[in-house]
Amino acid sequence: QVQVVESGGGLVQPGGSLRLSCVVSGSAFNFFAMGWYRQAPGKQRKWVATITSGGSTAYADSVKGRFTISRDNAKTTGFLQMNSLKPEDTAVYYCKAFRDYESGYWGQGTQVTVSS
């Protein structure tokens, strides 16, 4: 069984930074890609960033230049470095570990609140 656990969320002031972690456990998991998504109250879940097994990255326009996605060499832990945070970044952030283009495993989410 593959388990995905996010951590690192919290309360931060506008302009501050947070680093989220996504730990994937389970030897059966073969890393294909990892994505970060976020969902604000009353809104649909939106894609934020993706990193592939080869290290290619992509970002939503709303976070480009402020967020950086990365992973460790073992491909068991992913990260989302969030800088210059804005109130509109407030959301529950979810990690998804993909095993192919269509399927993967979701984490439980971690709350990020940007407020003064």
Protein backbone atom coordinates (compact mmCIF):
# COMPACT_ATOMS: atom_id res chain seq x y z
CA GLN A 1 0.00 0.00 0.00
CA VAL A 2 1.33 3.43 -0.98
CA GLN A 3 0.97 6.24 1.52
CA VAL A 4 1.36 9.93 0.71
CA VAL A 5 1.73 12.39 3.57
CA GLU A 6 2.06 16.16 3.25
CA SER A 7 3.48 18.38 5.96
CA GLY A 8 4.87 21.86 6.48
CA GLY A 9 1.73 23.94 6.27
CA GLY A 10 0.86 26.64 8.74
CA LEU A 11 0.08 30.30 9.24
CA VAL A 12 2.36 32.82 7.57
CA GLN A 13 2.20 36.55 6.91
CA PRO A 14 1.96 37.93 3.37
CA GLY A 15 5.39 37.98 1.79
CA GLY A 16 6.57 35.09 3.91
CA SER A 17 7.72 31.62 2.93
CA LEU A 18 6.83 28.01 3.64
CA ARG A 19 8.26 24.72 2.46
CA LEU A 20 5.87 21.82 2.06
CA SER A 21 7.01 18.20 2.05
CA CYS A 22 5.38 15.17 0.50
CA VAL A 23 6.64 11.81 1.71
CA VAL A 24 5.73 8.75 -0.34
CA SER A 25 6.13 5.39 1.34
CA GLY A 26 5.66 1.89 0.01
CA SER A 27 8.13 -0.10 -2.04
CA ALA A 28 5.46 -0.85 -4.63
CA PHE A 29 5.41 2.78 -5.77
CA ASN A 30 7.23 3.51 -9.01
CA PHE A 31 7.72 7.26 -9.36
CA PHE A 32 6.36 8.71 -12.59
CA ALA A 33 5.58 12.27 -11.54
CA MET A 34 4.49 14.28 -8.54
CA GLY A 35 2.03 17.12 -8.52
CA TRP A 36 0.92 19.73 -6.04
CA TYR A 37 -2.67 20.96 -6.01
CA ARG A 38 -4.58 23.35 -3.80
CA GLN A 39 -8.18 23.87 -2.85
CA ALA A 40 -9.56 27.00 -1.24
CA PRO A 41 -12.86 26.89 0.69
CA GLY A 42 -15.83 26.68 -1.67
CA LYS A 43 -13.63 26.32 -4.75
CA GLN A 44 -12.48 23.48 -6.96
CA ARG A 45 -9.11 21.87 -6.54
CA LYS A 46 -6.55 23.43 -8.86
CA TRP A 47 -3.21 22.27 -10.17
CA VAL A 48 -0.18 24.16 -8.86
CA ALA A 49 3.00 22.43 -10.03
CA THR A 50 4.38 19.15 -11.35
CA ILE A 51 7.77 17.47 -11.41
CA THR A 52 8.50 14.38 -13.51
CA SER A 53 10.81 11.46 -12.85
CA GLY A 54 13.32 13.14 -15.17
CA GLY A 55 13.20 16.39 -13.23
CA SER A 56 11.14 18.49 -15.63
CA THR A 57 8.92 21.03 -13.89
CA ALA A 58 5.83 23.03 -14.73
CA TYR A 59 3.89 25.67 -12.82
CA ALA A 60 0.53 27.33 -12.85
CA ASP A 61 0.70 30.98 -13.90
CA SER A 62 -0.57 32.05 -10.48
CA VAL A 63 2.55 30.71 -8.74
CA LYS A 64 5.22 30.90 -11.43
CA GLY A 65 8.28 32.72 -10.19
CA ARG A 66 7.29 32.32 -6.54
CA PHE A 67 6.99 28.55 -6.02
CA THR A 68 9.58 25.86 -6.72
CA ILE A 69 8.86 22.15 -6.90
CA SER A 70 11.60 19.60 -6.30
CA ARG A 71 12.24 16.03 -5.19
CA ASP A 72 14.99 14.06 -3.52
CA ASN A 73 17.25 11.70 -5.45
CA ALA A 74 15.51 8.64 -4.07
CA LYS A 75 12.19 9.98 -5.41
CA THR A 76 10.51 9.31 -2.11
CA THR A 77 10.03 12.90 -1.00
CA GLY A 78 8.79 15.91 -2.90
CA PHE A 79 8.92 19.55 -1.89
CA LEU A 80 7.13 22.75 -2.69
CA GLN A 81 9.05 25.88 -1.72
CA MET A 82 6.62 28.78 -1.52
CA ASN A 83 8.00 32.32 -1.42
CA SER A 84 6.37 35.74 -1.55
CA LEU A 85 3.14 34.25 -0.30
CA LYS A 86 -0.10 36.10 -0.90
CA PRO A 87 -3.47 35.83 0.87
CA GLU A 88 -4.88 34.24 -2.28
CA ASP A 89 -2.45 31.34 -1.78
CA THR A 90 -4.49 30.30 1.26
CA ALA A 91 -5.76 26.77 0.66
CA VAL A 92 -5.37 23.15 1.58
CA TYR A 93 -2.39 21.88 -0.40
CA TYR A 94 -2.46 18.31 -1.68
CA CYS A 95 0.29 16.14 -3.08
CA LYS A 96 -0.36 13.47 -5.69
CA ALA A 97 2.18 10.79 -6.48
CA PHE A 98 1.59 9.55 -10.02
CA ARG A 99 2.48 6.04 -11.12
CA ASP A 100 1.45 6.78 -14.72
CA TYR A 101 -0.30 9.51 -16.71
CA GLU A 102 -3.74 8.66 -15.35
CA SER A 103 -3.47 7.25 -11.85
CA GLY A 104 -1.73 7.94 -8.60
CA TYR A 105 -2.11 8.47 -4.90
CA TRP A 106 -3.38 11.52 -3.03
CA GLY A 107 -2.17 12.78 0.30
CA GLN A 108 -4.47 14.04 3.00
CA GLY A 109 -3.56 17.69 2.51
CA THR A 110 -1.93 20.35 4.64
CA GLN A 111 -3.41 23.75 5.44
CA VAL A 112 -1.61 26.90 4.33
CA THR A 113 -3.00 30.19 5.61
CA VAL A 114 -1.52 33.51 4.50
CA SER A 115 -2.81 36.32 6.67
CA SER A 116 -1.53 39.31 8.59
